[in-house]
Amino acid sequence: MIPTVKQKEFLELFCKYFNAVRDYLVIEHKAMHKRERRNRDIIFSRGELSEERQAENEAAQKAYDKLLTNTSTLAVSVSMIVYHKYTVSCECGDLYRISLLHHSL
């Protein structure tokens, strides 16, 4: 059995990792919105996107979707660990909210 102090340290470390991933997800979300705005401007001015740009957009969207899915899974895992074991004091109060992030953004 792992001592309680070590368990709490691990959970705090895991929580900090989650916070970093969450912050990265927000950055990527903003980048996707910026890309969509640029695409709308290109479509408005030229009438269509180049095939190369469409391929880049699809790859970026797939990467973002994968990041969102993995972050949501991590959020559920962290919240299950934190809420069933301890209350960790590293801003983990809204862990479950990230799993609903794709609905609200």
N, C-alpha and C. Protein backbone atom coordinates (compact mmCIF):
# COMPACT_ATOMS: atom_id res chain seq x y z
N MET A 1 0.83 -1.18 0.00
CA MET A 1 0.00 0.00 0.00
C MET A 1 0.87 1.25 0.00
N ILE A 2 0.51 2.23 -0.80
CA ILE A 2 1.26 3.48 -0.90
C ILE A 2 0.80 4.40 0.24
N PRO A 3 1.74 5.04 0.92
CA PRO A 3 1.36 5.94 2.02
C PRO A 3 0.48 7.09 1.53
N THR A 4 -0.37 7.57 2.40
CA THR A 4 -1.32 8.63 2.07
C THR A 4 -0.63 9.88 1.55
N VAL A 5 0.48 10.24 2.14
CA VAL A 5 1.22 11.43 1.70
C VAL A 5 1.69 11.27 0.25
N LYS A 6 2.20 10.10 -0.09
CA LYS A 6 2.65 9.84 -1.46
C LYS A 6 1.47 9.84 -2.44
N GLN A 7 0.33 9.29 -2.00
CA GLN A 7 -0.85 9.28 -2.86
C GLN A 7 -1.29 10.71 -3.16
N LYS A 8 -1.29 11.56 -2.14
CA LYS A 8 -1.70 12.95 -2.33
C LYS A 8 -0.73 13.68 -3.25
N GLU A 9 0.58 13.44 -3.10
CA GLU A 9 1.57 14.06 -3.97
C GLU A 9 1.35 13.63 -5.43
N PHE A 10 1.06 12.36 -5.63
CA PHE A 10 0.80 11.86 -6.98
C PHE A 10 -0.44 12.53 -7.57
N LEU A 11 -1.48 12.64 -6.78
CA LEU A 11 -2.71 13.26 -7.27
C LEU A 11 -2.50 14.73 -7.61
N GLU A 12 -1.71 15.42 -6.81
CA GLU A 12 -1.43 16.82 -7.09
C GLU A 12 -0.62 16.96 -8.39
N LEU A 13 0.32 16.07 -8.58
CA LEU A 13 1.11 16.07 -9.82
C LEU A 13 0.21 15.78 -11.02
N PHE A 14 -0.66 14.82 -10.88
CA PHE A 14 -1.60 14.46 -11.94
C PHE A 14 -2.51 15.63 -12.25
N CYS A 15 -2.93 16.33 -11.21
CA CYS A 15 -3.81 17.48 -11.37
C CYS A 15 -3.07 18.60 -12.12
N LYS A 16 -1.83 18.84 -11.80
CA LYS A 16 -1.05 19.87 -12.49
C LYS A 16 -0.88 19.50 -13.97
N TYR A 17 -0.67 18.24 -14.24
CA TYR A 17 -0.58 17.78 -15.63
C TYR A 17 -1.90 18.04 -16.35
N PHE A 18 -3.00 17.72 -15.69
CA PHE A 18 -4.31 17.96 -16.29
C PHE A 18 -4.49 19.45 -16.59
N ASN A 19 -4.11 20.31 -15.67
CA ASN A 19 -4.26 21.75 -15.88
C ASN A 19 -3.45 22.21 -17.09
N ALA A 20 -2.26 21.65 -17.27
CA ALA A 20 -1.43 22.00 -18.43
C ALA A 20 -2.10 21.53 -19.73
N VAL A 21 -2.65 20.34 -19.71
CA VAL A 21 -3.34 19.81 -20.90
C VAL A 21 -4.58 20.65 -21.20
N ARG A 22 -5.31 21.02 -20.16
CA ARG A 22 -6.49 21.86 -20.34
C ARG A 22 -6.12 23.19 -20.97
N ASP A 23 -5.05 23.81 -20.48
CA ASP A 23 -4.61 25.09 -21.03
C ASP A 23 -4.21 24.94 -22.50
N TYR A 24 -3.54 23.84 -22.84
CA TYR A 24 -3.15 23.59 -24.21
C TYR A 24 -4.39 23.39 -25.10
N LEU A 25 -5.40 22.73 -24.58
CA LEU A 25 -6.64 22.54 -25.33
C LEU A 25 -7.29 23.88 -25.66
N VAL A 26 -7.29 24.79 -24.71
CA VAL A 26 -7.88 26.11 -24.94
C VAL A 26 -7.10 26.85 -26.03
N ILE A 27 -5.77 26.76 -25.98
CA ILE A 27 -4.94 27.39 -27.02
C ILE A 27 -5.26 26.82 -28.39
N GLU A 28 -5.36 25.51 -28.47
CA GLU A 28 -5.67 24.86 -29.75
C GLU A 28 -7.08 25.21 -30.23
N HIS A 29 -8.01 25.34 -29.30
CA HIS A 29 -9.38 25.72 -29.66
C HIS A 29 -9.40 27.11 -30.30
N LYS A 30 -8.66 28.03 -29.71
CA LYS A 30 -8.58 29.38 -30.26
C LYS A 30 -7.93 29.36 -31.64
N ALA A 31 -6.91 28.53 -31.80
CA ALA A 31 -6.24 28.41 -33.11
C ALA A 31 -7.20 27.87 -34.17
N MET A 32 -8.05 26.91 -33.77
CA MET A 32 -9.03 26.37 -34.72
C MET A 32 -10.03 27.44 -35.15
N HIS A 33 -10.48 28.25 -34.20
CA HIS A 33 -11.41 29.33 -34.55
C HIS A 33 -10.75 30.35 -35.47
N LYS A 34 -9.49 30.65 -35.20
CA LYS A 34 -8.75 31.58 -36.06
C LYS A 34 -8.62 31.01 -37.46
N ARG A 35 -8.33 29.72 -37.57
CA ARG A 35 -8.22 29.05 -38.86
C ARG A 35 -9.56 29.09 -39.61
N GLU A 36 -10.65 28.86 -38.89
CA GLU A 36 -11.97 28.89 -39.52
C GLU A 36 -12.30 30.28 -40.05
N ARG A 37 -11.94 31.32 -39.29
CA ARG A 37 -12.18 32.69 -39.76
C ARG A 37 -11.38 32.98 -41.03
N ARG A 38 -10.10 32.57 -41.04
CA ARG A 38 -9.28 32.77 -42.23
C ARG A 38 -9.87 32.02 -43.43
N ASN A 39 -10.35 30.82 -43.18
CA ASN A 39 -10.95 30.04 -44.28
C ASN A 39 -12.20 30.73 -44.82
N ARG A 40 -13.02 31.26 -43.93
CA ARG A 40 -14.22 31.99 -44.40
C ARG A 40 -13.82 33.19 -45.25
N ASP A 41 -12.78 33.92 -44.82
CA ASP A 41 -12.32 35.07 -45.59
C ASP A 41 -11.81 34.63 -46.96
N ILE A 42 -11.07 33.53 -47.01
CA ILE A 42 -10.55 33.02 -48.29
C ILE A 42 -11.70 32.60 -49.19
N ILE A 43 -12.65 31.90 -48.64
CA ILE A 43 -13.81 31.47 -49.44
C ILE A 43 -14.58 32.68 -49.96
N PHE A 44 -14.72 33.70 -49.12
CA PHE A 44 -15.45 34.90 -49.53
C PHE A 44 -14.71 35.63 -50.66
N SER A 45 -13.38 35.72 -50.54
CA SER A 45 -12.62 36.48 -51.54
C SER A 45 -12.33 35.66 -52.81
N ARG A 46 -12.03 34.38 -52.68
CA ARG A 46 -11.64 33.57 -53.84
C ARG A 46 -12.71 32.59 -54.30
N GLY A 47 -13.65 32.29 -53.44
CA GLY A 47 -14.72 31.38 -53.83
C GLY A 47 -14.52 29.95 -53.37
N GLU A 48 -13.26 29.56 -53.11
CA GLU A 48 -13.00 28.20 -52.64
C GLU A 48 -11.63 28.12 -51.97
N LEU A 49 -11.43 27.02 -51.24
CA LEU A 49 -10.14 26.77 -50.60
C LEU A 49 -9.32 25.86 -51.51
N SER A 50 -8.02 26.03 -51.47
CA SER A 50 -7.15 25.14 -52.25
C SER A 50 -7.20 23.74 -51.62
N GLU A 51 -6.87 22.75 -52.41
CA GLU A 51 -6.86 21.37 -51.92
C GLU A 51 -5.85 21.21 -50.79
N GLU A 52 -4.72 21.89 -50.93
CA GLU A 52 -3.69 21.81 -49.89
C GLU A 52 -4.21 22.38 -48.57
N ARG A 53 -4.89 23.50 -48.65
CA ARG A 53 -5.44 24.12 -47.44
C ARG A 53 -6.54 23.25 -46.83
N GLN A 54 -7.36 22.64 -47.67
CA GLN A 54 -8.40 21.74 -47.17
C GLN A 54 -7.78 20.55 -46.45
N ALA A 55 -6.71 20.00 -47.01
CA ALA A 55 -6.03 18.87 -46.37
C ALA A 55 -5.43 19.30 -45.02
N GLU A 56 -4.83 20.48 -44.98
CA GLU A 56 -4.29 20.99 -43.72
C GLU A 56 -5.38 21.17 -42.69
N ASN A 57 -6.52 21.69 -43.11
CA ASN A 57 -7.65 21.89 -42.19
C ASN A 57 -8.17 20.57 -41.65
N GLU A 58 -8.27 19.57 -42.49
CA GLU A 58 -8.75 18.27 -42.05
C GLU A 58 -7.78 17.64 -41.05
N ALA A 59 -6.48 17.76 -41.32
CA ALA A 59 -5.48 17.22 -40.40
C ALA A 59 -5.52 17.96 -39.06
N ALA A 60 -5.66 19.27 -39.11
CA ALA A 60 -5.72 20.06 -37.87
C ALA A 60 -6.99 19.71 -37.09
N GLN A 61 -8.10 19.52 -37.78
CA GLN A 61 -9.35 19.18 -37.10
C GLN A 61 -9.26 17.81 -36.46
N LYS A 62 -8.66 16.85 -37.15
CA LYS A 62 -8.49 15.51 -36.58
C LYS A 62 -7.62 15.55 -35.34
N ALA A 63 -6.53 16.31 -35.40
CA ALA A 63 -5.63 16.43 -34.25
C ALA A 63 -6.34 17.08 -33.08
N TYR A 64 -7.13 18.11 -33.36
CA TYR A 64 -7.87 18.79 -32.30
C TYR A 64 -8.92 17.86 -31.69
N ASP A 65 -9.64 17.14 -32.52
CA ASP A 65 -10.65 16.21 -32.02
C ASP A 65 -10.03 15.13 -31.13
N LYS A 66 -8.87 14.64 -31.53
CA LYS A 66 -8.18 13.63 -30.73
C LYS A 66 -7.74 14.22 -29.39
N LEU A 67 -7.20 15.44 -29.42
CA LEU A 67 -6.80 16.11 -28.19
C LEU A 67 -8.01 16.32 -27.28
N LEU A 68 -9.12 16.74 -27.84
CA LEU A 68 -10.34 16.97 -27.05
C LEU A 68 -10.83 15.68 -26.42
N THR A 69 -10.84 14.60 -27.18
CA THR A 69 -11.28 13.30 -26.66
C THR A 69 -10.37 12.83 -25.53
N ASN A 70 -9.07 12.93 -25.75
CA ASN A 70 -8.12 12.50 -24.73
C ASN A 70 -8.18 13.37 -23.48
N THR A 71 -8.38 14.67 -23.67
CA THR A 71 -8.50 15.57 -22.52
C THR A 71 -9.77 15.27 -21.74
N SER A 72 -10.84 14.98 -22.44
CA SER A 72 -12.10 14.63 -21.76
C SER A 72 -11.94 13.34 -20.95
N THR A 73 -11.27 12.37 -21.53
CA THR A 73 -11.01 11.12 -20.83
C THR A 73 -10.15 11.37 -19.60
N LEU A 74 -9.13 12.19 -19.75
CA LEU A 74 -8.27 12.54 -18.63
C LEU A 74 -9.06 13.25 -17.55
N ALA A 75 -9.96 14.15 -17.94
CA ALA A 75 -10.77 14.88 -16.97
C ALA A 75 -11.63 13.94 -16.14
N VAL A 76 -12.23 12.98 -16.81
CA VAL A 76 -13.06 12.01 -16.10
C VAL A 76 -12.19 11.18 -15.16
N SER A 77 -11.04 10.76 -15.64
CA SER A 77 -10.14 9.95 -14.80
C SER A 77 -9.67 10.72 -13.58
N VAL A 78 -9.25 11.95 -13.77
CA VAL A 78 -8.77 12.76 -12.65
C VAL A 78 -9.88 13.03 -11.66
N SER A 79 -11.05 13.39 -12.17
CA SER A 79 -12.14 13.70 -11.25
C SER A 79 -12.56 12.47 -10.46
N MET A 80 -12.50 11.30 -11.09
CA MET A 80 -12.84 10.07 -10.37
C MET A 80 -11.82 9.81 -9.27
N ILE A 81 -10.54 10.00 -9.59
CA ILE A 81 -9.50 9.78 -8.59
C ILE A 81 -9.62 10.81 -7.47
N VAL A 82 -9.72 12.07 -7.84
CA VAL A 82 -9.72 13.14 -6.85
C VAL A 82 -10.96 13.06 -5.97
N TYR A 83 -12.11 12.90 -6.55
CA TYR A 83 -13.33 12.94 -5.75
C TYR A 83 -13.55 11.67 -4.94
N HIS A 84 -12.92 10.57 -5.32
CA HIS A 84 -13.07 9.35 -4.54
C HIS A 84 -11.99 9.20 -3.49
N LYS A 85 -10.91 9.95 -3.59
CA LYS A 85 -9.79 9.82 -2.66
C LYS A 85 -9.67 11.04 -1.75
N TYR A 86 -9.41 12.20 -2.35
CA TYR A 86 -9.09 13.40 -1.59
C TYR A 86 -9.67 14.62 -2.27
N THR A 87 -9.58 15.72 -1.59
CA THR A 87 -9.79 17.00 -2.23
C THR A 87 -8.40 17.58 -2.43
N VAL A 88 -8.02 17.71 -3.66
CA VAL A 88 -6.68 18.18 -3.97
C VAL A 88 -6.73 19.69 -4.18
N SER A 89 -5.77 20.39 -3.59
CA SER A 89 -5.80 21.85 -3.61
C SER A 89 -4.96 22.44 -4.73
N CYS A 90 -5.19 22.01 -5.96
CA CYS A 90 -4.43 22.60 -7.08
C CYS A 90 -5.37 22.97 -8.22
N GLU A 91 -6.43 23.68 -7.90
CA GLU A 91 -7.39 24.17 -8.88
C GLU A 91 -8.07 23.05 -9.66
N CYS A 92 -8.40 21.97 -9.00
CA CYS A 92 -9.04 20.85 -9.68
C CYS A 92 -10.55 20.85 -9.44
N GLY A 93 -11.09 21.94 -8.99
CA GLY A 93 -12.51 21.98 -8.68
C GLY A 93 -13.41 21.77 -9.88
N ASP A 94 -12.97 22.21 -11.06
CA ASP A 94 -13.83 22.12 -12.25
C ASP A 94 -13.34 21.06 -13.22
N LEU A 95 -12.83 19.97 -12.72
CA LEU A 95 -12.27 18.94 -13.60
C LEU A 95 -13.30 18.36 -14.55
N TYR A 96 -14.48 18.13 -14.06
CA TYR A 96 -15.47 17.46 -14.88
C TYR A 96 -15.96 18.37 -16.00
N ARG A 97 -15.85 19.68 -15.79
CA ARG A 97 -16.32 20.63 -16.78
C ARG A 97 -15.63 20.46 -18.13
N ILE A 98 -14.37 20.06 -18.13
CA ILE A 98 -13.63 19.90 -19.37
C ILE A 98 -14.24 18.84 -20.27
N SER A 99 -14.88 17.83 -19.68
CA SER A 99 -15.50 16.79 -20.49
C SER A 99 -16.71 17.34 -21.26
N LEU A 100 -17.25 18.47 -20.82
CA LEU A 100 -18.37 19.09 -21.50
C LEU A 100 -17.92 20.26 -22.36
N LEU A 101 -16.60 20.49 -22.43
CA LEU A 101 -16.05 21.64 -23.10
C LEU A 101 -16.45 21.71 -24.56
N HIS A 102 -16.44 20.61 -25.26
CA HIS A 102 -16.74 20.64 -26.70
C HIS A 102 -18.19 21.02 -26.97
N HIS A 103 -19.08 20.90 -25.99
CA HIS A 103 -20.46 21.30 -26.17
C HIS A 103 -20.63 22.81 -26.03
N SER A 104 -19.81 23.44 -25.16
CA SER A 104 -19.98 24.84 -24.88
C SER A 104 -19.11 25.75 -25.74
N LEU A 105 -18.04 25.23 -26.32
CA LEU A 105 -17.17 26.07 -27.14
C LEU A 105 -17.70 26.06 -28.54
